[in-house]
N, C-alpha and C. Protein backbone atom coordinates (compact mmCIF):
# COMPACT_ATOMS: atom_id res chain seq x y z
N UNK A 1 -11.06 18.81 29.53
CA UNK A 1 -11.71 20.40 29.66
C UNK A 1 -10.72 21.56 29.42
N UNK A 2 -10.96 22.29 28.80
CA UNK A 2 -10.26 23.01 28.03
C UNK A 2 -10.72 24.02 29.48
N UNK A 3 -9.78 25.00 30.26
CA UNK A 3 -9.49 26.15 31.21
C UNK A 3 -10.39 27.28 30.50
N UNK A 4 -10.68 28.27 30.74
CA UNK A 4 -11.31 29.33 30.56
C UNK A 4 -10.04 30.12 29.75
N UNK A 5 -8.76 30.08 30.22
CA UNK A 5 -7.49 31.03 30.10
C UNK A 5 -7.57 30.43 28.48
N UNK A 6 -7.16 28.39 28.18
CA UNK A 6 -6.96 27.84 26.94
C UNK A 6 -8.10 28.60 26.39
N UNK A 7 -9.38 28.57 26.22
CA UNK A 7 -10.84 28.68 25.97
C UNK A 7 -9.60 30.12 24.74
N UNK A 8 -10.04 31.17 25.98
CA UNK A 8 -9.72 32.24 25.82
C UNK A 8 -7.84 32.61 24.96
N UNK A 9 -7.34 32.06 25.17
CA UNK A 9 -6.15 31.84 23.67
C UNK A 9 -6.34 31.74 22.26
N UNK A 10 -7.82 30.13 22.74
CA UNK A 10 -7.77 29.95 21.23
C UNK A 10 -8.40 30.57 20.48
N UNK A 11 -9.38 30.97 21.32
CA UNK A 11 -10.36 32.27 21.05
C UNK A 11 -9.73 33.39 19.86
N UNK A 12 -8.13 33.47 20.43
CA UNK A 12 -7.70 35.31 20.28
C UNK A 12 -6.28 34.89 19.59
N UNK A 13 -5.96 33.54 19.13
CA UNK A 13 -4.97 33.04 18.47
C UNK A 13 -5.54 33.34 16.53
N UNK A 14 -4.40 33.61 16.32
CA UNK A 14 -4.52 33.97 14.58
C UNK A 14 -3.65 32.79 14.07
N UNK A 15 -3.98 32.15 13.20
CA UNK A 15 -3.72 31.30 12.62
C UNK A 15 -3.29 30.78 11.06
N UNK A 16 -2.55 30.38 10.54
CA UNK A 16 -1.39 30.21 9.60
C UNK A 16 -2.14 28.55 8.97
N UNK A 17 -2.39 28.36 8.12
CA UNK A 17 -2.86 26.79 7.44
C UNK A 17 -2.36 26.85 6.36
N UNK A 18 -1.17 25.65 5.99
CA UNK A 18 -0.44 26.26 4.77
C UNK A 18 -0.58 25.15 4.17
N UNK A 19 -1.84 24.53 3.28
CA UNK A 19 -1.95 23.58 2.49
C UNK A 19 -3.81 22.71 2.35
N UNK A 20 -4.59 22.68 2.06
CA UNK A 20 -5.51 22.66 1.56
C UNK A 20 -6.36 21.64 0.96
N UNK A 21 -4.83 20.21 0.96
CA UNK A 21 -5.14 19.25 0.65
C UNK A 21 -5.92 17.99 1.53
N UNK A 22 -5.53 16.48 1.79
CA UNK A 22 -5.82 15.71 3.03
C UNK A 22 -6.14 16.16 3.81
N UNK A 23 -4.92 16.75 4.44
CA UNK A 23 -4.64 17.01 5.25
C UNK A 23 -4.94 17.84 6.23
N UNK A 24 -4.77 18.98 5.07
CA UNK A 24 -5.53 20.24 5.40
C UNK A 24 -6.78 21.01 5.55
N UNK A 25 -7.77 19.98 4.65
CA UNK A 25 -9.43 19.39 5.15
C UNK A 25 -9.27 19.47 6.45
N UNK A 26 -8.83 18.31 7.15
CA UNK A 26 -8.48 18.02 7.74
C UNK A 26 -8.87 18.94 9.32
N UNK A 27 -7.62 19.53 8.96
CA UNK A 27 -6.91 20.31 10.22
C UNK A 27 -8.03 21.19 10.36
N UNK A 28 -8.48 21.87 8.84
CA UNK A 28 -8.92 23.39 9.12
C UNK A 28 -10.55 22.50 9.75
N UNK A 29 -11.27 21.70 9.23
CA UNK A 29 -11.97 20.89 10.14
C UNK A 29 -12.52 21.60 11.63
N UNK A 30 -11.19 20.72 12.44
CA UNK A 30 -10.65 20.49 13.61
C UNK A 30 -10.74 22.27 14.16
N UNK A 31 -9.80 22.69 13.81
CA UNK A 31 -9.08 23.93 13.55
C UNK A 31 -10.62 25.16 14.14
N UNK A 32 -11.17 24.45 12.83
CA UNK A 32 -12.84 25.78 13.04
C UNK A 32 -13.43 24.93 14.57
N UNK A 33 -13.78 23.67 14.50
CA UNK A 33 -14.54 23.00 15.49
C UNK A 33 -14.06 23.41 16.94
N UNK A 34 -12.66 23.29 17.03
CA UNK A 34 -12.14 23.52 18.34
C UNK A 34 -12.29 24.81 18.96
N UNK A 35 -12.72 26.24 18.31
CA UNK A 35 -13.15 27.61 18.38
C UNK A 35 -12.28 28.32 18.16
N UNK A 36 -10.50 28.21 17.13
CA UNK A 36 -10.13 29.45 17.15
C UNK A 36 -11.32 29.69 16.16
N UNK A 37 -10.76 31.11 16.29
CA UNK A 37 -11.56 31.91 15.42
C UNK A 37 -11.24 32.69 14.28
N UNK A 38 -9.73 33.18 13.64
CA UNK A 38 -8.94 33.58 12.93
C UNK A 38 -8.24 32.80 12.09
N UNK A 39 -8.45 32.16 11.13
CA UNK A 39 -7.83 31.44 10.33
C UNK A 39 -7.67 31.72 9.06
N UNK A 40 -6.18 31.88 8.88
CA UNK A 40 -6.35 32.13 7.02
C UNK A 40 -5.06 30.63 6.54
N UNK A 41 -6.00 30.57 5.16
CA UNK A 41 -5.15 28.90 4.30
C UNK A 41 -5.04 29.64 3.46
N UNK A 42 -3.85 29.54 2.74
CA UNK A 42 -2.77 29.26 1.63
C UNK A 42 -3.16 27.93 1.12
N UNK A 43 -3.62 27.99 0.35
CA UNK A 43 -3.56 26.31 -0.50
C UNK A 43 -2.04 26.25 -1.46
N UNK A 44 -1.41 25.71 -1.02
CA UNK A 44 -0.07 25.89 -1.69
C UNK A 44 0.07 25.93 -3.54
N UNK A 45 0.13 26.10 -3.99
CA UNK A 45 0.78 26.15 -5.49
C UNK A 45 2.12 25.72 -5.69
N UNK A 46 2.58 24.90 -5.50
CA UNK A 46 4.08 24.60 -6.08
C UNK A 46 4.39 23.57 -6.10
N UNK A 47 4.73 22.90 -7.35
CA UNK A 47 4.47 21.87 -8.68
C UNK A 47 5.79 21.07 -8.02
N UNK A 48 5.61 19.87 -8.21
CA UNK A 48 6.75 19.15 -8.01
C UNK A 48 6.62 17.63 -7.18
N UNK A 49 7.38 16.75 -6.97
CA UNK A 49 7.08 15.62 -6.08
C UNK A 49 7.85 15.59 -4.92
N UNK A 50 7.60 14.10 -4.49
CA UNK A 50 8.31 14.56 -2.69
C UNK A 50 9.94 15.06 -2.41
N UNK A 51 9.87 14.85 -3.90
CA UNK A 51 11.63 15.42 -3.80
C UNK A 51 12.11 17.05 -3.93
N UNK A 52 10.75 17.61 -4.17
CA UNK A 52 10.99 19.00 -4.61
C UNK A 52 11.86 19.65 -6.12
N UNK A 53 11.58 18.54 -6.76
CA UNK A 53 12.77 18.58 -7.81
C UNK A 53 11.82 18.85 -9.48
N UNK A 54 10.14 19.18 -8.95
CA UNK A 54 9.65 19.49 -10.01
C UNK A 54 9.21 18.22 -11.30
N UNK A 55 10.60 17.04 -10.95
CA UNK A 55 10.24 16.47 -12.11
C UNK A 55 8.82 14.73 -12.51
N UNK A 56 7.77 15.45 -11.19
CA UNK A 56 7.18 14.37 -11.47
C UNK A 56 5.47 15.55 -10.89
N UNK A 57 5.09 15.18 -12.47
CA UNK A 57 4.00 16.31 -12.00
C UNK A 57 2.47 15.19 -11.60
N UNK A 58 2.62 14.27 -11.22
CA UNK A 58 1.57 13.29 -10.50
C UNK A 58 1.10 14.27 -9.15
N UNK A 59 2.61 14.62 -8.69
CA UNK A 59 2.11 14.97 -7.63
C UNK A 59 1.71 16.02 -6.79
N UNK A 60 1.72 17.39 -8.14
CA UNK A 60 2.10 18.13 -7.78
C UNK A 60 0.54 19.06 -6.91
N UNK A 61 0.47 19.95 -6.76
CA UNK A 61 -0.66 20.28 -6.14
C UNK A 61 -0.74 22.05 -6.70
N UNK A 62 -1.88 22.25 -7.40
CA UNK A 62 -1.78 23.18 -8.07
C UNK A 62 -2.64 24.31 -7.23
N UNK A 63 -3.40 24.44 -7.12
CA UNK A 63 -3.63 24.96 -5.24
C UNK A 63 -5.41 24.52 -6.03
N UNK A 64 -6.02 23.76 -6.98
CA UNK A 64 -6.99 23.78 -7.93
C UNK A 64 -7.50 22.54 -7.45
N UNK A 65 -8.57 22.35 -7.33
CA UNK A 65 -9.04 20.86 -7.15
C UNK A 65 -9.31 20.27 -8.02
N UNK A 66 -9.13 18.77 -7.95
CA UNK A 66 -8.58 18.17 -8.84
C UNK A 66 -9.80 16.75 -8.90
N UNK A 67 -10.44 15.82 -10.19
CA UNK A 67 -11.47 14.15 -9.54
C UNK A 67 -10.48 13.94 -8.26
N UNK A 68 -9.53 13.44 -8.61
CA UNK A 68 -8.35 12.30 -7.88
C UNK A 68 -8.48 13.11 -6.44
N UNK A 69 -8.61 14.52 -6.83
CA UNK A 69 -8.91 14.82 -4.43
C UNK A 69 -10.40 14.11 -3.53
N UNK A 70 -10.92 14.41 -4.67
CA UNK A 70 -12.43 13.94 -3.66
C UNK A 70 -12.44 13.39 -3.12
N UNK A 71 -11.90 11.54 -2.97
CA UNK A 71 -12.05 10.60 -2.13
C UNK A 71 -11.59 10.38 -0.24
N UNK A 72 -10.35 12.16 -0.80
CA UNK A 72 -9.76 11.83 0.84
C UNK A 72 -10.14 13.46 1.06
N UNK A 73 -10.30 14.31 0.04
CA UNK A 73 -10.30 15.93 0.46
C UNK A 73 -11.61 16.01 0.51
N UNK A 74 -12.79 16.07 1.79
CA UNK A 74 -14.04 15.70 1.90
C UNK A 74 -14.80 16.93 2.43
N UNK A 75 -13.80 18.03 1.94
CA UNK A 75 -14.18 19.31 1.97
C UNK A 75 -15.18 19.67 0.80
N UNK A 76 -14.63 18.88 0.44
CA UNK A 76 -14.69 19.05 -1.94
C UNK A 76 -15.43 18.52 -2.45
N UNK A 77 -16.49 18.50 -3.58
CA UNK A 77 -17.54 17.84 -3.93
C UNK A 77 -17.34 17.85 -5.63
N UNK A 78 -17.64 17.09 -6.22
CA UNK A 78 -17.80 16.66 -7.75
C UNK A 78 -17.76 18.15 -8.20
N UNK A 79 -18.44 18.85 -8.07
CA UNK A 79 -18.64 20.38 -8.80
C UNK A 79 -18.29 21.15 -8.54
N UNK A 80 -16.96 20.99 -7.62
CA UNK A 80 -16.24 21.59 -6.99
C UNK A 80 -14.87 21.57 -8.23
N UNK A 81 -15.09 20.79 -8.75
CA UNK A 81 -13.21 20.30 -10.27
C UNK A 81 -13.11 21.24 -10.67
N UNK A 82 -11.70 21.65 -10.71
CA UNK A 82 -11.19 23.20 -11.56
C UNK A 82 -10.88 24.48 -10.32
N UNK A 83 -11.57 24.63 -9.48
CA UNK A 83 -11.56 25.67 -8.25
C UNK A 83 -10.84 25.63 -7.48
N UNK A 84 -10.39 26.71 -6.88
CA UNK A 84 -9.44 26.55 -5.88
C UNK A 84 -9.52 25.94 -4.35
N UNK A 85 -8.80 24.97 -4.08
CA UNK A 85 -8.92 24.81 -3.19
C UNK A 85 -8.93 25.23 -1.67
N UNK A 86 -8.60 26.92 -1.29
CA UNK A 86 -8.48 27.28 0.03
C UNK A 86 -9.51 27.91 -0.16
N UNK A 87 -10.62 28.41 -1.22
CA UNK A 87 -11.37 29.61 -1.53
C UNK A 87 -12.74 28.08 -1.29
N UNK A 88 -12.53 26.85 -1.87
CA UNK A 88 -13.93 26.55 -1.84
C UNK A 88 -13.77 25.21 -0.26
N UNK A 89 -13.06 25.09 0.07
CA UNK A 89 -12.73 25.21 1.68
C UNK A 89 -12.72 25.33 2.49
N UNK A 90 -12.65 27.17 2.56
CA UNK A 90 -12.99 28.40 3.33
C UNK A 90 -14.85 27.90 3.58
N UNK A 91 -15.13 28.14 2.10
CA UNK A 91 -16.61 28.39 2.34
C UNK A 91 -17.25 26.78 2.69
N UNK A 92 -16.82 25.82 1.99
CA UNK A 92 -17.73 24.66 3.31
C UNK A 92 -17.77 24.17 4.90
N UNK A 93 -16.39 24.99 5.12
CA UNK A 93 -16.52 24.86 6.48
C UNK A 93 -17.08 26.61 7.05
N UNK A 94 -17.68 27.21 6.40
CA UNK A 94 -18.24 28.55 6.71
C UNK A 94 -19.84 28.39 6.98
N UNK A 95 -20.02 27.12 6.53
CA UNK A 95 -21.65 26.12 6.51
C UNK A 95 -21.79 25.55 7.65
N UNK A 96 -20.85 25.16 8.67
CA UNK A 96 -20.78 24.43 9.41
C UNK A 96 -20.33 25.90 10.64
N UNK A 97 -19.51 26.39 10.60
CA UNK A 97 -19.12 27.23 11.34
C UNK A 97 -19.10 29.33 10.56
N UNK A 98 -20.33 29.36 11.06
CA UNK A 98 -20.31 30.96 9.99
C UNK A 98 -20.35 31.81 10.52
N UNK A 99 -19.75 31.62 12.01
CA UNK A 99 -19.20 32.79 12.48
C UNK A 99 -17.67 32.91 12.88
N UNK A 100 -16.89 31.93 12.53
CA UNK A 100 -15.71 32.50 12.65
C UNK A 100 -15.05 33.18 11.56
N UNK A 101 -14.09 34.06 11.44
CA UNK A 101 -12.77 34.36 10.41
C UNK A 101 -12.48 33.92 9.72
N UNK A 102 -12.67 33.46 8.78
CA UNK A 102 -11.96 32.73 7.93
C UNK A 102 -11.19 33.73 6.24
N UNK A 103 -9.97 32.99 6.16
CA UNK A 103 -9.43 33.87 5.17
C UNK A 103 -8.38 33.57 4.05
N UNK A 104 -8.86 33.20 2.53
CA UNK A 104 -8.59 32.64 2.15
C UNK A 104 -7.51 33.17 0.86
N UNK A 105 -6.50 32.52 0.73
CA UNK A 105 -5.85 32.82 -1.12
C UNK A 105 -5.52 32.39 -1.17
N UNK A 106 -5.84 32.73 -3.14
CA UNK A 106 -5.52 31.63 -4.40
C UNK A 106 -4.02 32.32 -4.93
N UNK A 107 -3.18 31.93 -4.68
CA UNK A 107 -1.88 32.46 -4.67
C UNK A 107 -0.35 30.88 -4.43
N UNK A 108 0.48 31.41 -4.36
CA UNK A 108 2.34 30.09 -4.36
C UNK A 108 2.11 30.86 -3.52
N UNK A 109 2.68 29.95 -1.99
CA UNK A 109 2.84 30.61 -0.69
C UNK A 109 4.02 31.17 -1.01
N UNK A 110 5.30 31.05 -1.88
CA UNK A 110 6.79 31.19 -2.23
C UNK A 110 6.74 32.94 -3.16
N UNK A 111 5.28 33.12 -3.09
CA UNK A 111 5.27 34.84 -3.70
C UNK A 111 5.91 35.53 -2.86
N UNK A 112 6.29 36.59 -3.03
CA UNK A 112 6.36 37.40 -1.98
C UNK A 112 5.43 38.38 -1.17
N UNK A 113 4.57 38.16 -1.46
CA UNK A 113 3.56 38.71 -0.91
C UNK A 113 3.73 38.11 0.70
N UNK A 114 4.01 36.33 0.76
CA UNK A 114 3.79 35.32 1.81
C UNK A 114 5.54 35.60 2.32
N UNK A 115 5.68 37.12 2.78
CA UNK A 115 7.30 37.07 3.18
C UNK A 115 7.44 37.65 4.78
N UNK A 116 7.91 37.47 5.44
CA UNK A 116 8.79 37.58 7.23
C UNK A 116 6.81 38.38 7.46
N UNK A 117 7.17 39.29 7.56
CA UNK A 117 6.56 40.39 8.03
C UNK A 117 4.97 39.91 8.10
N UNK A 118 4.14 39.13 6.63
CA UNK A 118 3.11 38.40 6.81
C UNK A 118 3.12 37.08 7.90
N UNK A 119 4.28 36.09 7.55
CA UNK A 119 4.42 35.63 8.53
C UNK A 119 4.34 35.98 10.41
N UNK A 120 4.71 37.29 10.23
CA UNK A 120 4.83 37.39 11.62
C UNK A 120 3.79 37.94 12.45
N UNK A 121 2.63 37.63 11.45
CA UNK A 121 0.97 37.98 12.18
C UNK A 121 0.83 37.00 12.61
N UNK A 122 1.12 36.77 12.73
CA UNK A 122 0.86 34.62 13.04
C UNK A 122 0.81 34.74 14.61
N UNK A 123 0.20 33.79 15.46
CA UNK A 123 0.07 33.08 16.52
C UNK A 123 0.53 31.90 16.32
N UNK A 124 0.92 31.33 15.31
CA UNK A 124 1.15 29.88 15.08
C UNK A 124 0.86 29.65 13.66
N UNK A 125 1.60 28.56 12.52
CA UNK A 125 1.57 28.34 11.38
C UNK A 125 1.63 26.49 11.52
N UNK A 126 0.30 26.07 10.39
CA UNK A 126 0.34 24.70 10.73
C UNK A 126 0.47 24.35 8.88
N UNK A 127 1.26 23.23 8.36
CA UNK A 127 1.91 23.01 7.41
C UNK A 127 1.02 21.40 7.57
N UNK A 128 0.16 21.81 5.99
CA UNK A 128 -0.29 20.47 5.43
C UNK A 128 0.07 19.88 4.03
N UNK A 129 1.80 20.07 4.31
CA UNK A 129 2.04 19.63 2.54
C UNK A 129 2.68 18.92 2.01
N UNK A 130 2.77 18.14 0.71
CA UNK A 130 3.35 17.04 0.79
C UNK A 130 5.00 17.92 0.19
N UNK A 131 4.91 18.86 -0.86
CA UNK A 131 5.90 19.06 -1.23
C UNK A 131 7.04 19.93 -0.31
N UNK A 132 8.82 19.14 -1.35
CA UNK A 132 9.12 19.41 0.04
C UNK A 132 9.88 21.13 0.12
N UNK A 133 9.94 21.45 -1.63
CA UNK A 133 10.29 22.67 -1.55
C UNK A 133 9.38 23.53 -0.81
N UNK A 134 8.40 22.95 -0.65
CA UNK A 134 7.82 24.41 -0.26
C UNK A 134 7.54 24.44 1.60
N UNK A 135 7.54 22.64 1.81
CA UNK A 135 7.87 23.32 2.95
C UNK A 135 8.84 23.52 3.53
N UNK A 136 10.24 23.60 2.60
CA UNK A 136 12.03 23.77 3.39
C UNK A 136 10.74 25.30 3.76
N UNK A 137 11.26 26.02 2.67
CA UNK A 137 10.27 27.47 1.74
C UNK A 137 9.33 28.16 3.69
N UNK A 138 8.24 27.52 4.11
CA UNK A 138 7.52 28.05 5.12
C UNK A 138 7.64 27.93 6.49
N UNK A 139 8.69 26.68 6.63
CA UNK A 139 10.19 26.62 8.00
C UNK A 139 10.98 28.22 8.05
N UNK A 140 11.78 28.35 7.05
CA UNK A 140 12.96 29.64 7.21
C UNK A 140 11.45 30.60 7.50
N UNK A 141 10.77 30.61 7.02
CA UNK A 141 9.85 31.55 7.31
C UNK A 141 9.88 31.82 8.77
N UNK A 142 8.98 30.83 8.71
CA UNK A 142 8.65 30.69 10.37
C UNK A 142 9.94 30.76 11.49
N UNK A 143 10.93 30.46 10.88
CA UNK A 143 12.29 30.69 11.89
C UNK A 143 12.46 32.19 11.87
N UNK A 144 12.02 32.86 10.99
CA UNK A 144 12.87 34.21 10.33
C UNK A 144 11.74 35.18 11.26
N UNK A 145 10.40 34.95 11.40
CA UNK A 145 9.69 35.53 11.75
C UNK A 145 8.98 34.64 13.46
N UNK A 146 9.79 34.10 13.40
CA UNK A 146 9.83 33.75 15.03
C UNK A 146 8.06 33.38 15.64
N UNK A 147 8.25 32.41 14.55
CA UNK A 147 6.63 31.95 15.06
C UNK A 147 6.56 29.98 14.62
N UNK A 148 5.84 29.70 15.41
CA UNK A 148 6.14 28.74 16.10
C UNK A 148 5.54 27.88 14.89
N UNK A 149 6.08 26.27 14.34
CA UNK A 149 5.50 25.85 13.31
C UNK A 149 5.65 24.43 13.33
N UNK A 150 3.91 24.05 13.24
CA UNK A 150 3.63 23.11 13.53
C UNK A 150 3.64 21.65 12.07
N UNK A 151 4.34 20.76 11.84
CA UNK A 151 4.80 20.31 10.78
C UNK A 151 4.12 19.28 10.46
N UNK A 152 3.40 19.25 9.42
CA UNK A 152 2.47 17.79 9.03
C UNK A 152 2.63 17.32 7.83
N UNK A 153 3.25 16.36 6.89
CA UNK A 153 2.63 15.94 5.89
C UNK A 153 2.95 14.54 5.21
N UNK A 154 2.95 14.09 3.48
CA UNK A 154 3.30 12.77 3.76
C UNK A 154 4.14 12.65 2.45
N UNK A 155 4.55 11.41 2.92
CA UNK A 155 5.61 10.91 2.23
C UNK A 155 5.42 9.86 1.34
N UNK A 156 5.59 10.02 0.06
CA UNK A 156 4.95 8.46 -0.49
C UNK A 156 3.91 7.66 0.39
N UNK A 157 3.04 6.43 1.34
CA UNK A 157 2.15 6.19 1.56
C UNK A 157 1.99 6.59 3.60
N UNK A 158 3.69 6.95 3.61
CA UNK A 158 3.85 7.77 5.01
C UNK A 158 3.58 8.88 5.63
N UNK A 159 3.20 8.80 6.97
CA UNK A 159 2.05 10.68 7.39
C UNK A 159 3.49 10.89 8.48
N UNK A 160 4.07 12.31 8.25
CA UNK A 160 4.67 13.08 9.90
C UNK A 160 4.77 14.17 10.18
N UNK A 161 4.31 14.02 11.23
CA UNK A 161 4.10 15.22 12.10
C UNK A 161 5.12 15.45 12.67
N UNK A 162 5.47 17.05 13.45
CA UNK A 162 6.45 17.50 14.39
C UNK A 162 6.57 18.91 14.99
N UNK A 163 6.25 19.40 15.50
CA UNK A 163 6.84 20.57 16.82
C UNK A 163 7.73 21.01 16.57
N UNK A 164 8.55 20.72 15.82
CA UNK A 164 10.20 21.64 16.12
C UNK A 164 10.85 22.09 13.89
N UNK A 165 11.03 22.74 14.40
CA UNK A 165 11.44 22.81 13.05
C UNK A 165 11.70 22.56 12.02
N UNK A 166 11.37 22.20 10.45
CA UNK A 166 11.38 21.27 9.81
C UNK A 166 12.79 20.51 9.33
N UNK A 167 13.79 21.60 9.03
CA UNK A 167 14.66 21.10 8.82
C UNK A 167 15.71 20.09 10.59
N UNK A 168 15.38 21.08 11.04
CA UNK A 168 16.24 20.23 12.50
C UNK A 168 15.38 18.60 12.35
N UNK A 169 14.71 18.43 11.99
CA UNK A 169 13.80 17.39 12.51
C UNK A 169 14.10 16.27 10.79
N UNK A 170 14.28 16.90 10.02
CA UNK A 170 15.47 16.72 9.25
C UNK A 170 16.15 15.64 9.34
N UNK A 171 17.47 16.22 9.73
CA UNK A 171 18.34 16.00 10.38
C UNK A 171 18.39 15.09 11.35
N UNK A 172 17.49 15.51 12.54
CA UNK A 172 17.42 14.16 13.25
C UNK A 172 16.93 12.76 12.93
N UNK A 173 16.30 12.70 12.26
CA UNK A 173 15.49 11.96 11.43
C UNK A 173 17.09 11.16 10.09
N UNK A 174 17.97 11.51 9.90
CA UNK A 174 18.96 11.39 8.74
C UNK A 174 20.44 10.62 9.80
N UNK A 175 20.03 11.33 11.29
CA UNK A 175 21.00 10.88 12.11
C UNK A 175 21.00 9.61 12.30
N UNK A 176 19.21 9.29 13.25
CA UNK A 176 18.87 8.14 13.56
C UNK A 176 18.74 7.12 12.11
N UNK A 177 18.81 6.62 11.05
CA UNK A 177 19.05 6.49 10.19
C UNK A 177 20.02 6.26 9.51
N UNK A 178 21.15 6.96 10.11
CA UNK A 178 22.39 6.43 10.29
C UNK A 178 22.50 5.14 10.77
N UNK A 179 22.91 6.05 12.33
CA UNK A 179 22.83 5.39 13.50
C UNK A 179 22.48 4.13 13.27
N UNK A 180 21.18 4.24 12.77
CA UNK A 180 20.18 2.59 12.79
C UNK A 180 20.52 1.43 11.80
N UNK A 181 21.62 2.20 10.35
CA UNK A 181 22.06 1.57 9.82
C UNK A 181 23.04 0.59 10.39
N UNK A 182 23.80 1.39 11.45
CA UNK A 182 24.90 0.28 11.96
C UNK A 182 25.02 -0.90 13.46
N UNK A 183 23.62 -1.10 13.26
CA UNK A 183 22.96 -1.49 14.87
C UNK A 183 22.90 -0.67 15.84
N UNK A 184 23.48 0.79 15.63
CA UNK A 184 23.57 1.25 17.05
C UNK A 184 22.40 1.17 17.73
N UNK A 185 22.10 1.24 19.02
CA UNK A 185 20.92 1.53 20.17
C UNK A 185 21.10 2.71 20.38
N UNK A 186 20.39 3.56 19.49
CA UNK A 186 20.07 4.67 19.65
C UNK A 186 19.05 5.98 20.26
N UNK A 187 17.86 5.24 21.10
CA UNK A 187 17.00 5.66 21.24
C UNK A 187 17.76 6.38 23.11
N UNK A 188 18.30 6.18 23.62
CA UNK A 188 19.29 6.68 24.70
C UNK A 188 19.92 7.66 24.13
N UNK A 189 20.98 7.59 23.16
CA UNK A 189 21.63 8.40 22.56
C UNK A 189 20.62 9.61 21.86
N UNK A 190 19.71 9.83 21.44
CA UNK A 190 18.70 10.62 20.76
C UNK A 190 18.61 11.49 21.47
N UNK A 191 18.01 11.12 22.50
CA UNK A 191 17.21 11.72 24.22
C UNK A 191 17.81 12.35 24.63
N UNK A 192 19.13 11.84 24.74
CA UNK A 192 20.49 12.61 25.97
C UNK A 192 20.83 13.41 24.75
N UNK A 193 20.55 13.52 23.40
CA UNK A 193 21.35 15.10 22.38
C UNK A 193 20.18 16.08 22.43
N UNK A 194 19.26 15.28 22.42
CA UNK A 194 17.36 16.72 22.03
C UNK A 194 17.80 16.81 23.80
N UNK A 195 18.01 15.90 24.58
CA UNK A 195 17.59 17.02 26.30
C UNK A 195 18.45 17.98 26.38
N UNK A 196 19.78 17.35 26.04
CA UNK A 196 20.90 18.76 25.80
C UNK A 196 20.48 19.79 25.40
N UNK A 197 19.87 19.72 23.59
CA UNK A 197 19.52 20.65 22.72
C UNK A 197 18.81 21.20 23.55
N UNK A 198 17.92 20.85 24.21
CA UNK A 198 16.18 21.56 24.72
C UNK A 198 17.05 22.60 26.09
N UNK A 199 18.28 22.23 26.75
CA UNK A 199 18.60 22.72 28.35
C UNK A 199 19.17 23.88 27.20
N UNK A 200 20.00 24.06 26.35
CA UNK A 200 20.98 24.60 25.67
C UNK A 200 19.31 25.69 25.00
N UNK A 201 18.32 26.11 24.68
CA UNK A 201 17.70 26.37 24.27
C UNK A 201 16.96 27.06 25.18
N UNK A 202 16.06 26.31 27.06
CA UNK A 202 15.65 26.74 27.23
C UNK A 202 16.56 28.21 28.30
């Protein structure tokens, strides 16, 4: 059970959610039901595949609802096809949480309007993206604005979640894979390295 202080922090938090697809729908519903009162949604308009190179159009998320989204993005219905994901997700949540503040942006997260000053107004940013280029972009802005980023996304059929800087997570993952390929027992090494890094940060 959350304490009064925790509930007050939740109600007073200003949250930016980037991505309104499969992960984003779940995140938005959970944020609204958890008591968050001020949520902003940007549904990513960043073409490209999970490599972030724009070479695979079937992985594009152009910020509008497609028929193929309906089996997993539960805030959307067939009548919503072709409409803005951010706007429809906002309207869907307001039907069961009408008194919370929800702001939607039908735009590209890489537009100049979404700059460091924009990110700086939020207490926390939640990513729910597949596109690596967009994920790196949001990561850089959060680092520059000194705003915590909770990173989640998918690569193929795999889900990912990090509460650290996304680029740092990629770096640690690469080190982990490299050592694992050489048959090194890395659990102690990674823990020791991460403990040292955290000690330096604190």
